[in-house]
């Protein structure tokens, strides 16, 4: 959870020299692991992916895949799953930096799913160029402290160290910063049970929304499939309309779609109804995957989208 110069949840708990960490995302009983060579990020070279593996979790036993990845003593980044955190956009109080966490906590306490005393808050002020006349806004990421401790304990038991716990919105923002050359861009990634819509500007997240429609919905029967596509397109339109009303000075340059099996259909449907170009993200062009057996299946490629975005946190320290 970071804007430029901002720290994630565990950055404030672990202060370690950045290395070529293993990035792990759990999806549907599988682990997706990535690593990017930090040396390839210097001088804006194409990021060199040195690890992209998909491994099955067997009966909840994580040990076999940790051995396969050589994780003993490794530093790990991971991200929270939907439902394990909240992301709120709020007016930030006019207080000193050292008082901000307490002031924001009091402000959002009634919006939280857990008691404030058991909630870890991360605050990301929006950049001034994104705000226009809006004053001082920011995102608040709220996560149950017990959930964070569970992640850290889980990997500690496997002789690995969790040094970053982030959220999908920020992993998606990391990919967006590779697409827009600083211009405002929207990115849409479709997952099994939800879709994530984000807008980034000058490398900062400025808008985020989770839509409760995923590719499992668009693969039901013909009538359900058409209805799900229609609802998804409508929700994307609504998201863009909200952005236009609330952030009229932010002019999107494109809407980018992450890989998934029915992306071509969705791209055509969206192109018919939105006023901005709708484009496809080609992970094999964005990243140097030479020497790796990267999958051709667009659904599997889509499952690597967030793990690769998580790995691109390294851009900030390269």
C-alpha atoms as a PDB file:
ATOM      1  CA  UNK A   1       0.000   0.000   0.000  1.00  0.00           C
ATOM      2  CA  UNK A   2       2.065   2.839  -1.197  1.00  0.00           C
ATOM      3  CA  UNK A   3       1.998   6.028  -3.165  1.00  0.00           C
ATOM      4  CA  UNK A   4       5.361   7.421  -4.281  1.00  0.00           C
ATOM      5  CA  UNK A   5       7.462   7.677  -1.171  1.00  0.00           C
ATOM      6  CA  UNK A   6       4.810   5.883   0.900  1.00  0.00           C
ATOM      7  CA  UNK A   7       5.226   2.705   2.927  1.00  0.00           C
ATOM      8  CA  UNK A   8       3.153  -0.459   2.926  1.00  0.00           C
ATOM      9  CA  UNK A   9       1.641  -2.037   6.015  1.00  0.00           C
ATOM     10  CA  UNK A  10       4.760  -3.924   7.033  1.00  0.00           C
ATOM     11  CA  UNK A  11       7.357  -1.411   5.819  1.00  0.00           C
ATOM     12  CA  UNK A  12       6.906   0.337   9.148  1.00  0.00           C
ATOM     13  CA  UNK A  13       7.442  -2.932  11.020  1.00  0.00           C
ATOM     14  CA  UNK A  14      10.416  -4.289   9.059  1.00  0.00           C
ATOM     15  CA  UNK A  15      13.222  -2.029   7.870  1.00  0.00           C
ATOM     16  CA  UNK A  16      15.484  -4.112   5.672  1.00  0.00           C
ATOM     17  CA  UNK A  17      17.711  -3.446   2.706  1.00  0.00           C
ATOM     18  CA  UNK A  18      15.607  -4.091  -0.434  1.00  0.00           C
ATOM     19  CA  UNK A  19      16.540  -7.194  -2.367  1.00  0.00           C
ATOM     20  CA  UNK A  20      15.142  -9.399  -5.109  1.00  0.00           C
ATOM     21  CA  UNK A  21      12.208 -10.616  -3.057  1.00  0.00           C
ATOM     22  CA  UNK A  22       9.819 -13.426  -3.840  1.00  0.00           C
ATOM     23  CA  UNK A  23       6.315 -12.112  -4.524  1.00  0.00           C
ATOM     24  CA  UNK A  24       3.525 -14.518  -3.589  1.00  0.00           C
ATOM     25  CA  UNK A  25      -0.196 -14.318  -4.292  1.00  0.00           C
ATOM     26  CA  UNK A  26      -2.663 -17.064  -3.337  1.00  0.00           C
ATOM     27  CA  UNK A  27      -5.554 -17.570  -5.742  1.00  0.00           C
ATOM     28  CA  UNK A  28      -8.027 -20.440  -5.751  1.00  0.00           C
ATOM     29  CA  UNK A  29      -5.862 -23.079  -4.065  1.00  0.00           C
ATOM     30  CA  UNK A  30      -2.773 -22.087  -6.024  1.00  0.00           C
ATOM     31  CA  UNK A  31       0.297 -19.982  -5.291  1.00  0.00           C
ATOM     32  CA  UNK A  32       1.635 -17.642  -7.980  1.00  0.00           C
ATOM     33  CA  UNK A  33       5.246 -16.644  -7.383  1.00  0.00           C
ATOM     34  CA  UNK A  34       7.267 -13.984  -9.201  1.00  0.00           C
ATOM     35  CA  UNK A  35      10.625 -12.289  -8.912  1.00  0.00           C
ATOM     36  CA  UNK A  36      12.100  -9.430 -10.932  1.00  0.00           C
ATOM     37  CA  UNK A  37      15.816  -8.649 -11.216  1.00  0.00           C
ATOM     38  CA  UNK A  38      16.256  -5.206  -9.650  1.00  0.00           C
ATOM     39  CA  UNK A  39      19.251  -4.577 -11.886  1.00  0.00           C
ATOM     40  CA  UNK A  40      16.927  -4.623 -14.928  1.00  0.00           C
ATOM     41  CA  UNK A  41      14.920  -1.716 -13.484  1.00  0.00           C
ATOM     42  CA  UNK A  42      17.838   0.670 -13.547  1.00  0.00           C
ATOM     43  CA  UNK A  43      17.940   3.028 -16.542  1.00  0.00           C
ATOM     44  CA  UNK A  44      14.309   2.045 -17.250  1.00  0.00           C
ATOM     45  CA  UNK A  45      15.173  -1.272 -18.891  1.00  0.00           C
ATOM     46  CA  UNK A  46      12.376  -3.743 -19.543  1.00  0.00           C
ATOM     47  CA  UNK A  47      11.853  -5.542 -16.222  1.00  0.00           C
ATOM     48  CA  UNK A  48      13.527  -8.943 -16.310  1.00  0.00           C
ATOM     49  CA  UNK A  49      11.351 -11.629 -14.740  1.00  0.00           C
ATOM     50  CA  UNK A  50      13.514 -14.340 -13.188  1.00  0.00           C
ATOM     51  CA  UNK A  51      10.708 -16.332 -11.571  1.00  0.00           C
ATOM     52  CA  UNK A  52       7.104 -16.951 -12.657  1.00  0.00           C
ATOM     53  CA  UNK A  53       5.723 -20.157 -11.180  1.00  0.00           C
ATOM     54  CA  UNK A  54       2.280 -21.539 -10.463  1.00  0.00           C
ATOM     55  CA  UNK A  55       2.130 -24.180  -7.748  1.00  0.00           C
ATOM     56  CA  UNK A  56      -0.732 -26.186  -6.286  1.00  0.00           C
ATOM     57  CA  UNK A  57      -1.412 -26.098  -2.540  1.00  0.00           C
ATOM     58  CA  UNK A  58      -2.031 -29.696  -1.524  1.00  0.00           C
ATOM     59  CA  UNK A  59      -4.331 -30.222   1.475  1.00  0.00           C
ATOM     60  CA  UNK A  60      -3.298 -26.885   2.920  1.00  0.00           C
ATOM     61  CA  UNK A  61       0.342 -28.006   3.118  1.00  0.00           C
ATOM     62  CA  UNK A  62       2.586 -25.121   2.050  1.00  0.00           C
ATOM     63  CA  UNK A  63       5.926 -26.814   2.707  1.00  0.00           C
ATOM     64  CA  UNK A  64       6.403 -28.567  -0.693  1.00  0.00           C
ATOM     65  CA  UNK A  65       6.127 -25.366  -2.708  1.00  0.00           C
ATOM     66  CA  UNK A  66       8.373 -23.419  -0.318  1.00  0.00           C
ATOM     67  CA  UNK A  67      11.044 -26.034  -0.900  1.00  0.00           C
ATOM     68  CA  UNK A  68      10.480 -25.839  -4.659  1.00  0.00           C
ATOM     69  CA  UNK A  69      10.940 -22.048  -4.580  1.00  0.00           C
ATOM     70  CA  UNK A  70      13.981 -22.164  -2.309  1.00  0.00           C
ATOM     71  CA  UNK A  71      12.278 -19.904   0.201  1.00  0.00           C
ATOM     72  CA  UNK A  72      14.336 -20.720   3.284  1.00  0.00           C
ATOM     73  CA  UNK A  73      15.505 -17.385   4.660  1.00  0.00           C
ATOM     74  CA  UNK A  74      13.825 -15.497   1.804  1.00  0.00           C
ATOM     75  CA  UNK A  75      12.193 -12.084   2.021  1.00  0.00           C
ATOM     76  CA  UNK A  76       8.575 -12.222   0.840  1.00  0.00           C
ATOM     77  CA  UNK A  77       5.986  -9.781  -0.414  1.00  0.00           C
ATOM     78  CA  UNK A  78       2.337 -10.757  -0.492  1.00  0.00           C
ATOM     79  CA  UNK A  79      -1.062  -9.099  -0.874  1.00  0.00           C
ATOM     80  CA  UNK A  80      -4.298  -9.316   1.038  1.00  0.00           C
ATOM     81  CA  UNK A  81      -7.332 -10.945  -0.525  1.00  0.00           C
ATOM     82  CA  UNK A  82     -10.669  -9.145  -1.023  1.00  0.00           C
ATOM     83  CA  UNK A  83     -12.524  -9.254   2.269  1.00  0.00           C
ATOM     84  CA  UNK A  84      -9.329  -9.044   4.321  1.00  0.00           C
ATOM     85  CA  UNK A  85      -9.095  -5.260   4.115  1.00  0.00           C
ATOM     86  CA  UNK A  86     -11.070  -2.107   3.386  1.00  0.00           C
ATOM     87  CA  UNK A  87     -10.025   0.788   1.179  1.00  0.00           C
ATOM     88  CA  UNK A  88     -11.727   4.096   1.991  1.00  0.00           C
ATOM     89  CA  UNK A  89     -11.339   7.535   0.424  1.00  0.00           C
ATOM     90  CA  UNK A  90     -11.683  10.320   2.999  1.00  0.00           C
ATOM     91  CA  UNK A  91     -11.044  14.000   3.596  1.00  0.00           C
ATOM     92  CA  UNK A  92      -7.810  14.101   5.558  1.00  0.00           C
ATOM     93  CA  UNK A  93      -7.818  16.253   8.699  1.00  0.00           C
ATOM     94  CA  UNK A  94      -5.549  19.275   8.914  1.00  0.00           C
ATOM     95  CA  UNK A  95      -3.198  17.949  11.611  1.00  0.00           C
ATOM     96  CA  UNK A  96       0.520  17.358  12.012  1.00  0.00           C
ATOM     97  CA  UNK A  97       1.913  14.219  10.365  1.00  0.00           C
ATOM     98  CA  UNK A  98       2.554  12.498  13.689  1.00  0.00           C
ATOM     99  CA  UNK A  99      -1.106  13.012  14.648  1.00  0.00           C
ATOM    100  CA  UNK A 100      -2.585  11.891  11.332  1.00  0.00           C
ATOM    101  CA  UNK A 101      -3.071   8.185  12.134  1.00  0.00           C
ATOM    102  CA  UNK A 102      -4.958   8.865  15.356  1.00  0.00           C
ATOM    103  CA  UNK A 103      -7.094  11.601  13.780  1.00  0.00           C
ATOM    104  CA  UNK A 104      -8.016   9.503  10.752  1.00  0.00           C
ATOM    105  CA  UNK A 105      -8.709   6.480  12.948  1.00  0.00           C
ATOM    106  CA  UNK A 106     -11.230   8.480  14.954  1.00  0.00           C
ATOM    107  CA  UNK A 107     -12.751   9.783  11.711  1.00  0.00           C
ATOM    108  CA  UNK A 108     -13.290   6.348  10.097  1.00  0.00           C
ATOM    109  CA  UNK A 109     -13.994   4.276  13.221  1.00  0.00           C
ATOM    110  CA  UNK A 110     -17.689   3.813  12.377  1.00  0.00           C
ATOM    111  CA  UNK A 111     -16.869   2.611   8.848  1.00  0.00           C
ATOM    112  CA  UNK A 112     -14.570  -0.196   9.988  1.00  0.00           C
ATOM    113  CA  UNK A 113     -15.497  -3.856  10.074  1.00  0.00           C
ATOM    114  CA  UNK A 114     -13.254  -4.426  13.108  1.00  0.00           C
ATOM    115  CA  UNK A 115     -12.713  -2.458  16.288  1.00  0.00           C
ATOM    116  CA  UNK A 116     -10.348   0.460  15.815  1.00  0.00           C
ATOM    117  CA  UNK A 117      -7.969  -0.861  18.485  1.00  0.00           C
ATOM    118  CA  UNK A 118      -7.582  -4.113  16.488  1.00  0.00           C
ATOM    119  CA  UNK A 119      -7.212  -2.412  13.113  1.00  0.00           C
ATOM    120  CA  UNK A 120      -4.009  -1.440  11.340  1.00  0.00           C
ATOM    121  CA  UNK A 121      -4.452   1.747   9.288  1.00  0.00           C
ATOM    122  CA  UNK A 122      -2.311   2.863   6.382  1.00  0.00           C
ATOM    123  CA  UNK A 123      -2.894   6.386   5.027  1.00  0.00           C
ATOM    124  CA  UNK A 124      -2.022   7.498   1.500  1.00  0.00           C
ATOM    125  CA  UNK A 125      -2.552  11.212   0.752  1.00  0.00           C
ATOM    126  CA  UNK A 126      -3.455  11.856  -2.870  1.00  0.00           C
ATOM    127  CA  UNK A 127      -0.924  13.928  -4.831  1.00  0.00           C
ATOM    128  CA  UNK A 128      -1.734  17.610  -5.192  1.00  0.00           C
ATOM    129  CA  UNK A 129      -1.844  17.449  -9.002  1.00  0.00           C
ATOM    130  CA  UNK A 130      -4.669  14.918  -8.792  1.00  0.00           C
ATOM    131  CA  UNK A 131      -6.741  16.936  -6.337  1.00  0.00           C
ATOM    132  CA  UNK A 132      -7.419  20.095  -8.332  1.00  0.00           C
ATOM    133  CA  UNK A 133      -9.687  22.200  -6.095  1.00  0.00           C
ATOM    134  CA  UNK A 134     -10.624  19.307  -3.831  1.00  0.00           C
ATOM    135  CA  UNK A 135      -8.443  20.160  -0.856  1.00  0.00           C
ATOM    136  CA  UNK A 136      -6.806  17.263   0.971  1.00  0.00           C
ATOM    137  CA  UNK A 137      -8.006  13.734   0.216  1.00  0.00           C
ATOM    138  CA  UNK A 138      -6.448  10.362   0.758  1.00  0.00           C
ATOM    139  CA  UNK A 139      -6.978   6.622   0.824  1.00  0.00           C
ATOM    140  CA  UNK A 140      -7.173   4.756   4.091  1.00  0.00           C
ATOM    141  CA  UNK A 141      -6.358   1.048   4.010  1.00  0.00           C
ATOM    142  CA  UNK A 142      -7.731  -0.786   7.032  1.00  0.00           C
ATOM    143  CA  UNK A 143      -6.841  -4.362   7.920  1.00  0.00           C
ATOM    144  CA  UNK A 144      -7.453  -6.515  10.971  1.00  0.00           C
ATOM    145  CA  UNK A 145      -4.165  -6.782  12.873  1.00  0.00           C
ATOM    146  CA  UNK A 146      -4.861 -10.479  13.456  1.00  0.00           C
ATOM    147  CA  UNK A 147      -4.969 -11.064   9.690  1.00  0.00           C
ATOM    148  CA  UNK A 148      -1.590  -9.388   9.259  1.00  0.00           C
ATOM    149  CA  UNK A 149      -0.078 -11.410  12.090  1.00  0.00           C
ATOM    150  CA  UNK A 150      -1.445 -14.595  10.522  1.00  0.00           C
ATOM    151  CA  UNK A 151       0.370 -13.862   7.261  1.00  0.00           C
ATOM    152  CA  UNK A 152       3.619 -13.108   9.057  1.00  0.00           C
ATOM    153  CA  UNK A 153       3.379 -16.185  11.263  1.00  0.00           C
ATOM    154  CA  UNK A 154       2.497 -18.442   8.343  1.00  0.00           C
ATOM    155  CA  UNK A 155       5.660 -17.550   6.464  1.00  0.00           C
ATOM    156  CA  UNK A 156       7.805 -17.377   9.602  1.00  0.00           C
ATOM    157  CA  UNK A 157       6.869 -21.024  10.193  1.00  0.00           C
ATOM    158  CA  UNK A 158       8.294 -21.713   6.719  1.00  0.00           C
ATOM    159  CA  UNK A 159      11.569 -19.925   7.540  1.00  0.00           C
ATOM    160  CA  UNK A 160      10.681 -16.957   5.339  1.00  0.00           C
ATOM    161  CA  UNK A 161      10.223 -13.312   6.315  1.00  0.00           C
ATOM    162  CA  UNK A 162       7.228 -11.231   5.244  1.00  0.00           C
ATOM    163  CA  UNK A 163       8.566  -7.727   4.647  1.00  0.00           C
ATOM    164  CA  UNK A 164       5.658  -6.282   2.636  1.00  0.00           C
ATOM    165  CA  UNK A 165       1.928  -6.869   2.831  1.00  0.00           C
ATOM    166  CA  UNK A 166       0.126  -4.856   0.179  1.00  0.00           C
ATOM    167  CA  UNK A 167      -3.296  -4.721  -1.472  1.00  0.00           C
ATOM    168  CA  UNK A 168      -4.376  -5.560  -5.055  1.00  0.00           C
ATOM    169  CA  UNK A 169      -5.139  -1.914  -5.874  1.00  0.00           C
ATOM    170  CA  UNK A 170      -1.483  -0.986  -5.401  1.00  0.00           C
ATOM    171  CA  UNK A 171      -0.179  -3.970  -7.345  1.00  0.00           C
ATOM    172  CA  UNK A 172      -2.461  -2.906 -10.206  1.00  0.00           C
ATOM    173  CA  UNK A 173      -1.225   0.667  -9.884  1.00  0.00           C
ATOM    174  CA  UNK A 174       2.333  -0.611 -10.333  1.00  0.00           C
ATOM    175  CA  UNK A 175       1.366  -2.038 -13.726  1.00  0.00           C
ATOM    176  CA  UNK A 176      -0.498   1.165 -14.627  1.00  0.00           C
ATOM    177  CA  UNK A 177       2.640   3.234 -14.124  1.00  0.00           C
ATOM    178  CA  UNK A 178       4.233   1.200 -16.950  1.00  0.00           C
ATOM    179  CA  UNK A 179       1.412   2.099 -19.364  1.00  0.00           C
ATOM    180  CA  UNK A 180       0.543   5.763 -19.194  1.00  0.00           C
ATOM    181  CA  UNK A 181       3.859   7.646 -19.147  1.00  0.00           C
ATOM    182  CA  UNK A 182       2.442   9.758 -16.320  1.00  0.00           C
ATOM    183  CA  UNK A 183      -0.931  10.305 -18.019  1.00  0.00           C
ATOM    184  CA  UNK A 184      -4.125   9.250 -16.205  1.00  0.00           C
ATOM    185  CA  UNK A 185      -4.983   5.658 -17.105  1.00  0.00           C
ATOM    186  CA  UNK A 186      -7.702   3.238 -16.033  1.00  0.00           C
ATOM    187  CA  UNK A 187      -6.921  -0.446 -15.591  1.00  0.00           C
ATOM    188  CA  UNK A 188      -9.445  -3.270 -15.345  1.00  0.00           C
ATOM    189  CA  UNK A 189      -8.551  -6.770 -14.144  1.00  0.00           C
ATOM    190  CA  UNK A 190     -11.175  -9.509 -14.080  1.00  0.00           C
ATOM    191  CA  UNK A 191     -10.791 -12.204 -11.422  1.00  0.00           C
ATOM    192  CA  UNK A 192     -12.892 -15.303 -10.722  1.00  0.00           C
ATOM    193  CA  UNK A 193     -15.410 -13.573  -8.437  1.00  0.00           C
ATOM    194  CA  UNK A 194     -14.782  -9.849  -8.820  1.00  0.00           C
ATOM    195  CA  UNK A 195     -13.365  -7.177 -11.097  1.00  0.00           C
ATOM    196  CA  UNK A 196     -10.934  -4.465 -10.004  1.00  0.00           C
ATOM    197  CA  UNK A 197     -11.165  -1.019 -11.623  1.00  0.00           C
ATOM    198  CA  UNK A 198      -8.456   1.521 -10.798  1.00  0.00           C
ATOM    199  CA  UNK A 199      -7.312   4.901 -12.076  1.00  0.00           C
ATOM    200  CA  UNK A 200      -3.741   6.082 -11.683  1.00  0.00           C
ATOM    201  CA  UNK A 201      -2.177   9.458 -12.389  1.00  0.00           C
ATOM    202  CA  UNK A 202       1.503  10.384 -12.203  1.00  0.00           C
ATOM    203  CA  UNK A 203       2.243   6.973 -10.674  1.00  0.00           C
ATOM    204  CA  UNK A 204      -0.315   7.481  -7.864  1.00  0.00           C
ATOM    205  CA  UNK A 205      -3.621   5.703  -7.292  1.00  0.00           C
ATOM    206  CA  UNK A 206      -6.493   8.208  -7.416  1.00  0.00           C
ATOM    207  CA  UNK A 207      -9.604   6.020  -7.793  1.00  0.00           C
ATOM    208  CA  UNK A 208     -10.411   2.388  -7.000  1.00  0.00           C
ATOM    209  CA  UNK A 209     -13.510   0.226  -7.084  1.00  0.00           C
ATOM    210  CA  UNK A 210     -14.194  -3.483  -6.720  1.00  0.00           C
ATOM    211  CA  UNK A 211     -17.103  -4.780  -8.818  1.00  0.00           C
ATOM    212  CA  UNK A 212     -18.827  -7.969  -7.630  1.00  0.00           C
ATOM    213  CA  UNK A 213     -18.790  -9.636 -11.051  1.00  0.00           C
ATOM    214  CA  UNK A 214     -15.996 -11.958 -12.155  1.00  0.00           C
ATOM    215  CA  UNK A 215     -15.147 -14.273 -14.992  1.00  0.00           C
ATOM    216  CA  UNK A 216     -16.932 -17.142 -13.223  1.00  0.00           C
ATOM    217  CA  UNK A 217     -20.136 -15.155 -13.826  1.00  0.00           C
ATOM    218  CA  UNK A 218     -19.538 -14.625 -17.549  1.00  0.00           C
ATOM    219  CA  UNK A 219     -18.971 -18.343 -18.089  1.00  0.00           C
ATOM    220  CA  UNK A 220     -22.349 -19.605 -16.936  1.00  0.00           C
ATOM    221  CA  UNK A 221     -25.142 -20.398 -19.423  1.00  0.00           C
ATOM    222  CA  UNK A 222     -25.686 -18.243 -22.511  1.00  0.00           C
ATOM    223  CA  UNK A 223     -28.362 -16.048 -20.909  1.00  0.00           C
ATOM    224  CA  UNK A 224     -26.431 -15.647 -17.653  1.00  0.00           C
ATOM    225  CA  UNK A 225     -23.256 -14.982 -19.635  1.00  0.00           C
ATOM    226  CA  UNK A 226     -24.845 -12.181 -21.661  1.00  0.00           C
ATOM    227  CA  UNK A 227     -26.428 -10.722 -18.536  1.00  0.00           C
ATOM    228  CA  UNK A 228     -23.124 -10.807 -16.627  1.00  0.00           C
ATOM    229  CA  UNK A 229     -21.251  -9.099 -19.451  1.00  0.00           C
ATOM    230  CA  UNK A 230     -23.985  -6.483 -19.648  1.00  0.00           C
ATOM    231  CA  UNK A 231     -23.839  -5.825 -15.901  1.00  0.00           C
ATOM    232  CA  UNK A 232     -20.047  -5.634 -15.937  1.00  0.00           C
ATOM    233  CA  UNK A 233     -20.010  -3.152 -18.818  1.00  0.00           C
ATOM    234  CA  UNK A 234     -22.661  -1.066 -17.045  1.00  0.00           C
ATOM    235  CA  UNK A 235     -20.631  -0.987 -13.808  1.00  0.00           C
ATOM    236  CA  UNK A 236     -17.505   0.080 -15.694  1.00  0.00           C
ATOM    237  CA  UNK A 237     -19.517   2.866 -17.346  1.00  0.00           C
ATOM    238  CA  UNK A 238     -20.794   3.942 -13.933  1.00  0.00           C
ATOM    239  CA  UNK A 239     -17.259   3.964 -12.554  1.00  0.00           C
ATOM    240  CA  UNK A 240     -16.081   6.215 -15.375  1.00  0.00           C
ATOM    241  CA  UNK A 241     -19.113   8.472 -14.862  1.00  0.00           C
ATOM    242  CA  UNK A 242     -18.313   8.787 -11.149  1.00  0.00           C
ATOM    243  CA  UNK A 243     -14.723   9.621 -12.032  1.00  0.00           C
ATOM    244  CA  UNK A 244     -15.874  12.295 -14.485  1.00  0.00           C
ATOM    245  CA  UNK A 245     -18.182  13.873 -11.904  1.00  0.00           C
ATOM    246  CA  UNK A 246     -15.758  13.781  -8.992  1.00  0.00           C
ATOM    247  CA  UNK A 247     -12.508  14.265 -10.885  1.00  0.00           C
ATOM    248  CA  UNK A 248     -13.468  16.303 -13.922  1.00  0.00           C
ATOM    249  CA  UNK A 249      -9.914  17.579 -14.347  1.00  0.00           C
ATOM    250  CA  UNK A 250      -8.560  14.009 -14.668  1.00  0.00           C
ATOM    251  CA  UNK A 251      -8.816  13.087 -18.357  1.00  0.00           C
ATOM    252  CA  UNK A 252      -8.248   9.404 -18.980  1.00  0.00           C
ATOM    253  CA  UNK A 253      -5.929   8.510 -21.839  1.00  0.00           C
ATOM    254  CA  UNK A 254      -7.041   4.862 -22.089  1.00  0.00           C
ATOM    255  CA  UNK A 255      -8.757   1.951 -20.382  1.00  0.00           C
ATOM    256  CA  UNK A 256      -6.412  -1.037 -20.231  1.00  0.00           C
ATOM    257  CA  UNK A 257      -7.652  -4.601 -19.778  1.00  0.00           C
ATOM    258  CA  UNK A 258      -5.574  -7.257 -18.035  1.00  0.00           C
ATOM    259  CA  UNK A 259      -5.476 -10.747 -19.595  1.00  0.00           C
ATOM    260  CA  UNK A 260      -8.349 -13.180 -19.115  1.00  0.00           C
ATOM    261  CA  UNK A 261     -10.040 -15.685 -21.374  1.00  0.00           C
ATOM    262  CA  UNK A 262     -12.939 -13.515 -22.567  1.00  0.00           C
ATOM    263  CA  UNK A 263     -11.042 -10.250 -22.803  1.00  0.00           C
ATOM    264  CA  UNK A 264     -11.659  -9.773 -26.545  1.00  0.00           C
ATOM    265  CA  UNK A 265     -15.422  -9.899 -25.986  1.00  0.00           C
ATOM    266  CA  UNK A 266     -15.274  -7.428 -23.113  1.00  0.00           C
ATOM    267  CA  UNK A 267     -12.963  -5.129 -25.057  1.00  0.00           C
ATOM    268  CA  UNK A 268     -15.412  -4.948 -27.951  1.00  0.00           C
ATOM    269  CA  UNK A 269     -18.395  -4.361 -25.655  1.00  0.00           C
ATOM    270  CA  UNK A 270     -16.600  -1.572 -23.803  1.00  0.00           C
ATOM    271  CA  UNK A 271     -15.295   0.020 -26.998  1.00  0.00           C
ATOM    272  CA  UNK A 272     -18.900   0.433 -28.124  1.00  0.00           C
ATOM    273  CA  UNK A 273     -19.960   2.430 -25.063  1.00  0.00           C
ATOM    274  CA  UNK A 274     -17.015   4.322 -23.515  1.00  0.00           C
ATOM    275  CA  UNK A 275     -15.421   7.449 -24.949  1.00  0.00           C
ATOM    276  CA  UNK A 276     -11.788   6.450 -24.347  1.00  0.00           C
ATOM    277  CA  UNK A 277      -9.641   3.905 -26.193  1.00  0.00           C
ATOM    278  CA  UNK A 278      -9.905   0.395 -24.749  1.00  0.00           C
ATOM    279  CA  UNK A 279      -6.605  -1.474 -24.988  1.00  0.00           C
ATOM    280  CA  UNK A 280      -5.195  -4.869 -24.032  1.00  0.00           C
ATOM    281  CA  UNK A 281      -2.253  -5.293 -21.671  1.00  0.00           C
ATOM    282  CA  UNK A 282       0.359  -7.610 -23.154  1.00  0.00           C
ATOM    283  CA  UNK A 283       2.447  -8.906 -20.266  1.00  0.00           C
ATOM    284  CA  UNK A 284       4.911 -10.500 -22.673  1.00  0.00           C
ATOM    285  CA  UNK A 285       5.704  -7.059 -24.122  1.00  0.00           C
ATOM    286  CA  UNK A 286       5.806  -5.227 -20.778  1.00  0.00           C
ATOM    287  CA  UNK A 287       8.198  -7.739 -19.210  1.00  0.00           C
ATOM    288  CA  UNK A 288      11.300  -9.600 -20.333  1.00  0.00           C
ATOM    289  CA  UNK A 289      10.247 -13.220 -19.867  1.00  0.00           C
ATOM    290  CA  UNK A 290      13.098 -14.734 -21.856  1.00  0.00           C
ATOM    291  CA  UNK A 291      14.069 -18.171 -20.636  1.00  0.00           C
ATOM    292  CA  UNK A 292      10.843 -18.705 -18.686  1.00  0.00           C
ATOM    293  CA  UNK A 293       7.968 -20.967 -19.653  1.00  0.00           C
ATOM    294  CA  UNK A 294       5.281 -18.318 -19.376  1.00  0.00           C
ATOM    295  CA  UNK A 295       1.771 -19.687 -20.010  1.00  0.00           C
ATOM    296  CA  UNK A 296      -0.159 -19.007 -23.204  1.00  0.00           C
ATOM    297  CA  UNK A 297      -3.510 -19.498 -21.455  1.00  0.00           C
ATOM    298  CA  UNK A 298      -4.930 -15.965 -20.939  1.00  0.00           C
ATOM    299  CA  UNK A 299      -6.633 -16.971 -17.671  1.00  0.00           C
ATOM    300  CA  UNK A 300      -3.326 -18.154 -16.232  1.00  0.00           C
ATOM    301  CA  UNK A 301      -1.586 -15.048 -17.556  1.00  0.00           C
ATOM    302  CA  UNK A 302      -4.247 -13.028 -15.759  1.00  0.00           C
ATOM    303  CA  UNK A 303      -3.428 -14.867 -12.529  1.00  0.00           C
ATOM    304  CA  UNK A 304       0.148 -13.597 -12.847  1.00  0.00           C
ATOM    305  CA  UNK A 305      -1.023 -10.000 -13.340  1.00  0.00           C
ATOM    306  CA  UNK A 306      -1.127  -9.030  -9.648  1.00  0.00           C
ATOM    307  CA  UNK A 307       1.999 -11.019  -8.670  1.00  0.00           C
ATOM    308  CA  UNK A 308       3.935  -9.172 -11.396  1.00  0.00           C
ATOM    309  CA  UNK A 309       2.450  -5.876 -10.249  1.00  0.00           C
ATOM    310  CA  UNK A 310       3.494  -6.680  -6.699  1.00  0.00           C
ATOM    311  CA  UNK A 311       7.019  -7.386  -7.928  1.00  0.00           C
ATOM    312  CA  UNK A 312       7.144  -3.946  -9.568  1.00  0.00           C
ATOM    313  CA  UNK A 313       7.280  -2.336  -6.111  1.00  0.00           C
ATOM    314  CA  UNK A 314      11.010  -2.712  -6.727  1.00  0.00           C
ATOM    315  CA  UNK A 315      10.817   0.225  -9.162  1.00  0.00           C
ATOM    316  CA  UNK A 316      10.653   2.575  -6.205  1.00  0.00           C
ATOM    317  CA  UNK A 317      14.015   1.522  -4.804  1.00  0.00           C
ATOM    318  CA  UNK A 318      15.888   0.589  -7.989  1.00  0.00           C
END
